């Protein structure tokens, strides 16, 4: 029987989880952090704080490749306030994270699990698009709420995902909008957290060793149409997110 060292098993498992998350991200435009952190939280293969920072690296690279393959990128003007609001929210979220002590990591884990489940429920409800796009103030407020989650967990999905999937836009426009917003947020978080020495060598290693998988899956899948309908895709992602969220709580 082939013996695989335990540490190598951990790294291989993380890369495998990354592959699942990146593929889902390329289909939906948002699920990378939620899926990857949900799987890591469910299995406890690495400390959650290291996984969160590794996700920041992975998300930034994934966004850059995805958008390069999708160029030229055209965003709806009404979505831009969401991006501006999310950047403000990121600073708030990172500020909160800096105030949280190590003894509160259990609380953060619970909040992340609830956020993942909340995203699943909101996405399930968003099957029917709104008649008209949201206004600037509404998008800015939703973006700020997503940014706070992004600053805390590098998982800005729930509020903005619900809002984006409610817009009367093509799926490709929704995907591009979310990837742009989350990619900019990941870059901001990486710069701030790195400059303040809050990213461990373990997190950097996890992020860097996953990049070949990120590059391969994103390069292949960025311009491919989903193999299933938008409605079926939403339901499958909801089930995956709900299971991951529950796994973090129990």
C-alpha atoms as a PDB file:
ATOM      1  CA  UNK A   1       0.000   0.000   0.000  1.00  0.00           C
ATOM      2  CA  UNK A   2       1.336   3.444  -0.943  1.00  0.00           C
ATOM      3  CA  UNK A   3       2.085   5.582   2.119  1.00  0.00           C
ATOM      4  CA  UNK A   4       1.300   9.279   1.772  1.00  0.00           C
ATOM      5  CA  UNK A   5       2.574  11.546   4.572  1.00  0.00           C
ATOM      6  CA  UNK A   6      -0.190  13.257   6.508  1.00  0.00           C
ATOM      7  CA  UNK A   7       1.079  16.742   5.671  1.00  0.00           C
ATOM      8  CA  UNK A   8       1.052  15.914   1.961  1.00  0.00           C
ATOM      9  CA  UNK A   9      -2.503  14.587   2.291  1.00  0.00           C
ATOM     10  CA  UNK A  10      -3.537  17.931   3.756  1.00  0.00           C
ATOM     11  CA  UNK A  11      -2.025  19.905   0.885  1.00  0.00           C
ATOM     12  CA  UNK A  12      -3.478  17.574  -1.759  1.00  0.00           C
ATOM     13  CA  UNK A  13      -6.912  17.827  -0.149  1.00  0.00           C
ATOM     14  CA  UNK A  14      -6.698  21.630  -0.132  1.00  0.00           C
ATOM     15  CA  UNK A  15      -5.733  21.674  -3.815  1.00  0.00           C
ATOM     16  CA  UNK A  16      -8.633  19.320  -4.611  1.00  0.00           C
ATOM     17  CA  UNK A  17     -11.063  21.570  -2.708  1.00  0.00           C
ATOM     18  CA  UNK A  18      -9.629  24.552  -4.594  1.00  0.00           C
ATOM     19  CA  UNK A  19     -10.330  22.824  -7.912  1.00  0.00           C
ATOM     20  CA  UNK A  20     -13.977  22.300  -6.953  1.00  0.00           C
ATOM     21  CA  UNK A  21     -14.308  25.890  -5.755  1.00  0.00           C
ATOM     22  CA  UNK A  22     -12.648  27.435  -8.826  1.00  0.00           C
ATOM     23  CA  UNK A  23     -14.812  25.416 -11.212  1.00  0.00           C
ATOM     24  CA  UNK A  24     -17.921  26.515  -9.344  1.00  0.00           C
ATOM     25  CA  UNK A  25     -16.649  30.095  -9.342  1.00  0.00           C
ATOM     26  CA  UNK A  26     -16.206  30.063 -13.112  1.00  0.00           C
ATOM     27  CA  UNK A  27     -19.789  28.862 -13.537  1.00  0.00           C
ATOM     28  CA  UNK A  28     -21.411  31.293 -11.112  1.00  0.00           C
ATOM     29  CA  UNK A  29     -19.029  34.248 -10.709  1.00  0.00           C
ATOM     30  CA  UNK A  30     -19.014  34.183  -6.914  1.00  0.00           C
ATOM     31  CA  UNK A  31     -18.710  30.828  -5.164  1.00  0.00           C
ATOM     32  CA  UNK A  32     -14.932  30.383  -4.800  1.00  0.00           C
ATOM     33  CA  UNK A  33     -14.497  31.600  -1.226  1.00  0.00           C
ATOM     34  CA  UNK A  34     -17.820  30.251   0.014  1.00  0.00           C
ATOM     35  CA  UNK A  35     -17.259  26.753  -1.362  1.00  0.00           C
ATOM     36  CA  UNK A  36     -13.573  26.495  -0.444  1.00  0.00           C
ATOM     37  CA  UNK A  37     -13.978  27.846   3.082  1.00  0.00           C
ATOM     38  CA  UNK A  38     -17.063  25.721   3.584  1.00  0.00           C
ATOM     39  CA  UNK A  39     -15.166  22.549   2.633  1.00  0.00           C
ATOM     40  CA  UNK A  40     -12.158  23.527   4.753  1.00  0.00           C
ATOM     41  CA  UNK A  41     -14.376  24.386   7.699  1.00  0.00           C
ATOM     42  CA  UNK A  42     -16.240  21.096   7.348  1.00  0.00           C
ATOM     43  CA  UNK A  43     -13.063  18.989   7.261  1.00  0.00           C
ATOM     44  CA  UNK A  44     -10.766  21.131   9.466  1.00  0.00           C
ATOM     45  CA  UNK A  45      -7.773  20.221   7.316  1.00  0.00           C
ATOM     46  CA  UNK A  46      -6.076  23.600   7.923  1.00  0.00           C
ATOM     47  CA  UNK A  47      -6.700  26.498  10.329  1.00  0.00           C
ATOM     48  CA  UNK A  48      -9.580  28.616   9.096  1.00  0.00           C
ATOM     49  CA  UNK A  49      -7.621  31.869   9.312  1.00  0.00           C
ATOM     50  CA  UNK A  50      -4.919  30.444   7.006  1.00  0.00           C
ATOM     51  CA  UNK A  51      -7.544  29.212   4.566  1.00  0.00           C
ATOM     52  CA  UNK A  52      -9.191  32.660   4.512  1.00  0.00           C
ATOM     53  CA  UNK A  53      -5.921  34.368   3.605  1.00  0.00           C
ATOM     54  CA  UNK A  54      -5.063  31.682   1.031  1.00  0.00           C
ATOM     55  CA  UNK A  55      -8.463  32.279  -0.563  1.00  0.00           C
ATOM     56  CA  UNK A  56      -7.547  35.951  -0.960  1.00  0.00           C
ATOM     57  CA  UNK A  57      -4.532  34.992  -3.083  1.00  0.00           C
ATOM     58  CA  UNK A  58      -6.479  32.415  -5.086  1.00  0.00           C
ATOM     59  CA  UNK A  59      -9.448  34.731  -5.686  1.00  0.00           C
ATOM     60  CA  UNK A  60      -7.259  37.549  -6.988  1.00  0.00           C
ATOM     61  CA  UNK A  61      -5.442  35.296  -9.463  1.00  0.00           C
ATOM     62  CA  UNK A  62      -8.665  33.598 -10.555  1.00  0.00           C
ATOM     63  CA  UNK A  63     -10.318  36.957 -11.206  1.00  0.00           C
ATOM     64  CA  UNK A  64      -7.348  38.236 -13.228  1.00  0.00           C
ATOM     65  CA  UNK A  65      -7.277  35.161 -15.477  1.00  0.00           C
ATOM     66  CA  UNK A  66     -11.055  34.959 -15.830  1.00  0.00           C
ATOM     67  CA  UNK A  67     -11.393  38.596 -16.837  1.00  0.00           C
ATOM     68  CA  UNK A  68      -8.432  38.379 -19.214  1.00  0.00           C
ATOM     69  CA  UNK A  69     -10.047  35.429 -20.973  1.00  0.00           C
ATOM     70  CA  UNK A  70     -13.391  37.277 -21.079  1.00  0.00           C
ATOM     71  CA  UNK A  71     -11.997  40.587 -22.413  1.00  0.00           C
ATOM     72  CA  UNK A  72     -13.285  43.064 -23.320  1.00  0.00           C
ATOM     73  CA  UNK A  73     -15.285  43.401 -20.105  1.00  0.00           C
ATOM     74  CA  UNK A  74     -18.322  45.648 -20.055  1.00  0.00           C
ATOM     75  CA  UNK A  75     -20.011  46.430 -16.759  1.00  0.00           C
ATOM     76  CA  UNK A  76     -23.458  47.865 -16.270  1.00  0.00           C
ATOM     77  CA  UNK A  77     -23.136  51.477 -15.060  1.00  0.00           C
ATOM     78  CA  UNK A  78     -25.698  50.820 -12.328  1.00  0.00           C
ATOM     79  CA  UNK A  79     -23.387  48.210 -10.759  1.00  0.00           C
ATOM     80  CA  UNK A  80     -20.419  50.525 -10.207  1.00  0.00           C
ATOM     81  CA  UNK A  81     -21.704  51.952  -6.878  1.00  0.00           C
ATOM     82  CA  UNK A  82     -21.644  48.383  -5.552  1.00  0.00           C
ATOM     83  CA  UNK A  83     -17.909  48.200  -6.249  1.00  0.00           C
ATOM     84  CA  UNK A  84     -17.272  51.530  -4.515  1.00  0.00           C
ATOM     85  CA  UNK A  85     -19.359  50.510  -1.515  1.00  0.00           C
ATOM     86  CA  UNK A  86     -17.607  47.157  -1.234  1.00  0.00           C
ATOM     87  CA  UNK A  87     -14.184  48.804  -0.974  1.00  0.00           C
ATOM     88  CA  UNK A  88     -15.379  50.846   1.998  1.00  0.00           C
ATOM     89  CA  UNK A  89     -16.843  47.694   3.514  1.00  0.00           C
ATOM     90  CA  UNK A  90     -13.542  45.829   3.141  1.00  0.00           C
ATOM     91  CA  UNK A  91     -11.774  48.365   5.349  1.00  0.00           C
ATOM     92  CA  UNK A  92     -14.536  48.053   7.951  1.00  0.00           C
ATOM     93  CA  UNK A  93     -14.347  44.252   7.866  1.00  0.00           C
ATOM     94  CA  UNK A  94     -10.560  44.180   8.175  1.00  0.00           C
ATOM     95  CA  UNK A  95     -10.799  46.649  11.054  1.00  0.00           C
ATOM     96  CA  UNK A  96     -13.220  44.364  12.875  1.00  0.00           C
ATOM     97  CA  UNK A  97     -10.970  41.381  12.204  1.00  0.00           C
ATOM     98  CA  UNK A  98      -8.030  43.229  13.726  1.00  0.00           C
ATOM     99  CA  UNK A  99     -10.003  43.746  16.935  1.00  0.00           C
ATOM    100  CA  UNK A 100     -11.029  40.110  17.261  1.00  0.00           C
ATOM    101  CA  UNK A 101      -8.824  38.008  19.517  1.00  0.00           C
ATOM    102  CA  UNK A 102      -7.854  34.390  18.926  1.00  0.00           C
ATOM    103  CA  UNK A 103     -10.445  33.274  21.470  1.00  0.00           C
ATOM    104  CA  UNK A 104     -13.182  34.544  19.152  1.00  0.00           C
ATOM    105  CA  UNK A 105     -12.271  32.335  16.210  1.00  0.00           C
ATOM    106  CA  UNK A 106     -15.103  29.982  17.119  1.00  0.00           C
ATOM    107  CA  UNK A 107     -17.523  32.882  16.805  1.00  0.00           C
ATOM    108  CA  UNK A 108     -16.044  33.834  13.431  1.00  0.00           C
ATOM    109  CA  UNK A 109     -16.438  30.241  12.277  1.00  0.00           C
ATOM    110  CA  UNK A 110     -20.100  30.294  13.284  1.00  0.00           C
ATOM    111  CA  UNK A 111     -20.685  33.628  11.559  1.00  0.00           C
ATOM    112  CA  UNK A 112     -19.042  32.349   8.384  1.00  0.00           C
ATOM    113  CA  UNK A 113     -21.173  29.201   8.442  1.00  0.00           C
ATOM    114  CA  UNK A 114     -24.318  31.283   8.863  1.00  0.00           C
ATOM    115  CA  UNK A 115     -23.207  33.601   6.043  1.00  0.00           C
ATOM    116  CA  UNK A 116     -22.708  30.662   3.697  1.00  0.00           C
ATOM    117  CA  UNK A 117     -26.130  29.259   4.536  1.00  0.00           C
ATOM    118  CA  UNK A 118     -27.664  32.715   4.181  1.00  0.00           C
ATOM    119  CA  UNK A 119     -26.178  33.042   0.717  1.00  0.00           C
ATOM    120  CA  UNK A 120     -27.663  29.676  -0.245  1.00  0.00           C
ATOM    121  CA  UNK A 121     -31.131  30.713   0.908  1.00  0.00           C
ATOM    122  CA  UNK A 122     -30.943  34.118  -0.760  1.00  0.00           C
ATOM    123  CA  UNK A 123     -29.736  32.603  -4.013  1.00  0.00           C
ATOM    124  CA  UNK A 124     -32.575  30.101  -3.940  1.00  0.00           C
ATOM    125  CA  UNK A 125     -35.054  32.947  -3.597  1.00  0.00           C
ATOM    126  CA  UNK A 126     -33.478  34.952  -6.414  1.00  0.00           C
ATOM    127  CA  UNK A 127     -34.578  32.615  -9.197  1.00  0.00           C
ATOM    128  CA  UNK A 128     -36.904  35.297 -10.633  1.00  0.00           C
ATOM    129  CA  UNK A 129     -35.068  38.475 -11.811  1.00  0.00           C
ATOM    130  CA  UNK A 130     -36.404  41.922 -10.896  1.00  0.00           C
ATOM    131  CA  UNK A 131     -38.109  43.991 -13.585  1.00  0.00           C
ATOM    132  CA  UNK A 132     -35.604  46.867 -13.377  1.00  0.00           C
ATOM    133  CA  UNK A 133     -32.012  47.185 -12.078  1.00  0.00           C
ATOM    134  CA  UNK A 134     -31.421  48.426  -8.538  1.00  0.00           C
ATOM    135  CA  UNK A 135     -30.583  52.084  -7.954  1.00  0.00           C
ATOM    136  CA  UNK A 136     -27.151  53.477  -7.025  1.00  0.00           C
ATOM    137  CA  UNK A 137     -27.824  53.864  -3.288  1.00  0.00           C
ATOM    138  CA  UNK A 138     -29.220  50.357  -2.957  1.00  0.00           C
ATOM    139  CA  UNK A 139     -26.269  48.865  -4.828  1.00  0.00           C
ATOM    140  CA  UNK A 140     -23.775  50.891  -2.747  1.00  0.00           C
ATOM    141  CA  UNK A 141     -25.354  49.704   0.517  1.00  0.00           C
ATOM    142  CA  UNK A 142     -25.388  46.084  -0.602  1.00  0.00           C
ATOM    143  CA  UNK A 143     -21.798  46.398  -1.807  1.00  0.00           C
ATOM    144  CA  UNK A 144     -20.731  47.756   1.590  1.00  0.00           C
ATOM    145  CA  UNK A 145     -22.359  44.817   3.388  1.00  0.00           C
ATOM    146  CA  UNK A 146     -20.579  42.377   1.068  1.00  0.00           C
ATOM    147  CA  UNK A 147     -17.300  44.216   1.601  1.00  0.00           C
ATOM    148  CA  UNK A 148     -17.543  43.776   5.362  1.00  0.00           C
ATOM    149  CA  UNK A 149     -17.841  40.019   4.887  1.00  0.00           C
ATOM    150  CA  UNK A 150     -14.976  40.183   2.406  1.00  0.00           C
ATOM    151  CA  UNK A 151     -12.747  41.989   4.892  1.00  0.00           C
ATOM    152  CA  UNK A 152     -13.582  39.491   7.620  1.00  0.00           C
ATOM    153  CA  UNK A 153     -13.578  36.207   5.703  1.00  0.00           C
ATOM    154  CA  UNK A 154     -12.459  36.988   2.137  1.00  0.00           C
ATOM    155  CA  UNK A 155     -15.987  35.765   1.299  1.00  0.00           C
ATOM    156  CA  UNK A 156     -17.943  38.817   0.128  1.00  0.00           C
ATOM    157  CA  UNK A 157     -20.601  36.820  -1.676  1.00  0.00           C
ATOM    158  CA  UNK A 158     -23.958  36.672   0.107  1.00  0.00           C
ATOM    159  CA  UNK A 159     -25.563  40.156  -0.161  1.00  0.00           C
ATOM    160  CA  UNK A 160     -24.110  41.112  -3.537  1.00  0.00           C
ATOM    161  CA  UNK A 161     -24.701  37.700  -5.078  1.00  0.00           C
ATOM    162  CA  UNK A 162     -28.384  37.921  -4.224  1.00  0.00           C
ATOM    163  CA  UNK A 163     -28.581  41.432  -5.674  1.00  0.00           C
ATOM    164  CA  UNK A 164     -26.675  40.572  -8.862  1.00  0.00           C
ATOM    165  CA  UNK A 165     -28.738  37.480  -9.622  1.00  0.00           C
ATOM    166  CA  UNK A 166     -31.885  39.559  -9.180  1.00  0.00           C
ATOM    167  CA  UNK A 167     -30.909  41.930 -12.003  1.00  0.00           C
ATOM    168  CA  UNK A 168     -32.494  41.572 -15.452  1.00  0.00           C
ATOM    169  CA  UNK A 169     -29.074  40.978 -17.009  1.00  0.00           C
ATOM    170  CA  UNK A 170     -27.617  38.050 -18.980  1.00  0.00           C
ATOM    171  CA  UNK A 171     -25.761  35.456 -16.911  1.00  0.00           C
ATOM    172  CA  UNK A 172     -22.448  36.490 -18.474  1.00  0.00           C
ATOM    173  CA  UNK A 173     -22.930  40.090 -17.332  1.00  0.00           C
ATOM    174  CA  UNK A 174     -23.732  38.923 -13.810  1.00  0.00           C
ATOM    175  CA  UNK A 175     -20.648  36.715 -13.727  1.00  0.00           C
ATOM    176  CA  UNK A 176     -18.367  39.485 -15.001  1.00  0.00           C
ATOM    177  CA  UNK A 177     -19.765  42.032 -12.555  1.00  0.00           C
ATOM    178  CA  UNK A 178     -19.242  39.789  -9.544  1.00  0.00           C
ATOM    179  CA  UNK A 179     -15.749  38.690 -10.596  1.00  0.00           C
ATOM    180  CA  UNK A 180     -14.613  42.289 -11.120  1.00  0.00           C
ATOM    181  CA  UNK A 181     -15.959  43.397  -7.744  1.00  0.00           C
ATOM    182  CA  UNK A 182     -14.583  40.442  -5.809  1.00  0.00           C
ATOM    183  CA  UNK A 183     -11.245  40.546  -7.637  1.00  0.00           C
ATOM    184  CA  UNK A 184     -10.673  44.199  -6.720  1.00  0.00           C
ATOM    185  CA  UNK A 185     -11.654  43.438  -3.144  1.00  0.00           C
ATOM    186  CA  UNK A 186      -9.264  40.480  -2.963  1.00  0.00           C
ATOM    187  CA  UNK A 187      -6.402  42.667  -4.202  1.00  0.00           C
ATOM    188  CA  UNK A 188      -7.185  45.318  -1.597  1.00  0.00           C
ATOM    189  CA  UNK A 189      -7.378  42.744   1.193  1.00  0.00           C
ATOM    190  CA  UNK A 190      -4.128  41.076   0.122  1.00  0.00           C
ATOM    191  CA  UNK A 191      -2.254  44.396   0.093  1.00  0.00           C
ATOM    192  CA  UNK A 192      -3.566  45.557   3.477  1.00  0.00           C
ATOM    193  CA  UNK A 193      -3.269  42.214   5.288  1.00  0.00           C
ATOM    194  CA  UNK A 194       0.159  41.560   3.784  1.00  0.00           C
ATOM    195  CA  UNK A 195       1.458  45.038   4.648  1.00  0.00           C
ATOM    196  CA  UNK A 196       0.373  44.596   8.273  1.00  0.00           C
ATOM    197  CA  UNK A 197       1.962  41.146   8.592  1.00  0.00           C
ATOM    198  CA  UNK A 198      -1.297  39.243   9.062  1.00  0.00           C
ATOM    199  CA  UNK A 199      -0.733  36.597   6.379  1.00  0.00           C
ATOM    200  CA  UNK A 200       1.201  33.546   7.618  1.00  0.00           C
ATOM    201  CA  UNK A 201       3.721  31.540   5.608  1.00  0.00           C
ATOM    202  CA  UNK A 202       1.277  28.607   5.697  1.00  0.00           C
ATOM    203  CA  UNK A 203      -1.429  30.708   4.056  1.00  0.00           C
ATOM    204  CA  UNK A 204       0.995  31.876   1.363  1.00  0.00           C
ATOM    205  CA  UNK A 205       2.089  28.284   0.698  1.00  0.00           C
ATOM    206  CA  UNK A 206      -1.511  27.072   0.412  1.00  0.00           C
ATOM    207  CA  UNK A 207      -2.360  29.878  -1.965  1.00  0.00           C
ATOM    208  CA  UNK A 208       0.710  29.557  -4.167  1.00  0.00           C
ATOM    209  CA  UNK A 209       0.630  25.759  -4.473  1.00  0.00           C
ATOM    210  CA  UNK A 210      -2.999  25.966  -5.641  1.00  0.00           C
ATOM    211  CA  UNK A 211      -2.257  28.413  -8.461  1.00  0.00           C
ATOM    212  CA  UNK A 212      -1.496  25.807 -11.178  1.00  0.00           C
ATOM    213  CA  UNK A 213      -4.949  24.312 -10.651  1.00  0.00           C
ATOM    214  CA  UNK A 214      -6.492  27.793 -10.662  1.00  0.00           C
ATOM    215  CA  UNK A 215      -4.698  28.689 -13.895  1.00  0.00           C
ATOM    216  CA  UNK A 216      -5.683  25.479 -15.663  1.00  0.00           C
ATOM    217  CA  UNK A 217      -9.351  25.370 -14.690  1.00  0.00           C
ATOM    218  CA  UNK A 218      -9.930  29.081 -15.223  1.00  0.00           C
ATOM    219  CA  UNK A 219      -8.136  29.197 -18.583  1.00  0.00           C
ATOM    220  CA  UNK A 220     -10.226  26.285 -19.845  1.00  0.00           C
ATOM    221  CA  UNK A 221     -13.565  27.242 -18.377  1.00  0.00           C
ATOM    222  CA  UNK A 222     -13.724  31.043 -18.567  1.00  0.00           C
ATOM    223  CA  UNK A 223     -15.370  31.187 -22.003  1.00  0.00           C
ATOM    224  CA  UNK A 224     -17.327  27.948 -21.885  1.00  0.00           C
ATOM    225  CA  UNK A 225     -21.050  28.022 -21.421  1.00  0.00           C
ATOM    226  CA  UNK A 226     -22.368  26.227 -18.320  1.00  0.00           C
ATOM    227  CA  UNK A 227     -23.342  22.632 -19.166  1.00  0.00           C
ATOM    228  CA  UNK A 228     -26.659  23.138 -17.379  1.00  0.00           C
ATOM    229  CA  UNK A 229     -29.334  25.830 -17.268  1.00  0.00           C
ATOM    230  CA  UNK A 230     -29.064  28.879 -15.039  1.00  0.00           C
ATOM    231  CA  UNK A 231     -31.887  27.664 -12.794  1.00  0.00           C
ATOM    232  CA  UNK A 232     -30.403  24.192 -12.293  1.00  0.00           C
ATOM    233  CA  UNK A 233     -26.986  25.748 -11.672  1.00  0.00           C
ATOM    234  CA  UNK A 234     -28.372  27.997  -8.955  1.00  0.00           C
ATOM    235  CA  UNK A 235     -30.059  25.085  -7.203  1.00  0.00           C
ATOM    236  CA  UNK A 236     -26.930  22.906  -7.306  1.00  0.00           C
ATOM    237  CA  UNK A 237     -24.788  25.704  -5.883  1.00  0.00           C
ATOM    238  CA  UNK A 238     -27.400  26.307  -3.171  1.00  0.00           C
ATOM    239  CA  UNK A 239     -27.248  22.665  -2.093  1.00  0.00           C
ATOM    240  CA  UNK A 240     -23.445  22.723  -2.004  1.00  0.00           C
ATOM    241  CA  UNK A 241     -23.371  25.941   0.016  1.00  0.00           C
ATOM    242  CA  UNK A 242     -26.044  24.784   2.449  1.00  0.00           C
ATOM    243  CA  UNK A 243     -24.174  21.530   3.118  1.00  0.00           C
ATOM    244  CA  UNK A 244     -20.881  23.354   3.630  1.00  0.00           C
ATOM    245  CA  UNK A 245     -22.467  25.913   5.955  1.00  0.00           C
ATOM    246  CA  UNK A 246     -24.133  23.245   8.069  1.00  0.00           C
ATOM    247  CA  UNK A 247     -20.852  21.378   8.274  1.00  0.00           C
ATOM    248  CA  UNK A 248     -19.177  24.426   9.840  1.00  0.00           C
ATOM    249  CA  UNK A 249     -21.867  24.748  12.501  1.00  0.00           C
ATOM    250  CA  UNK A 250     -22.021  21.139  13.671  1.00  0.00           C
END
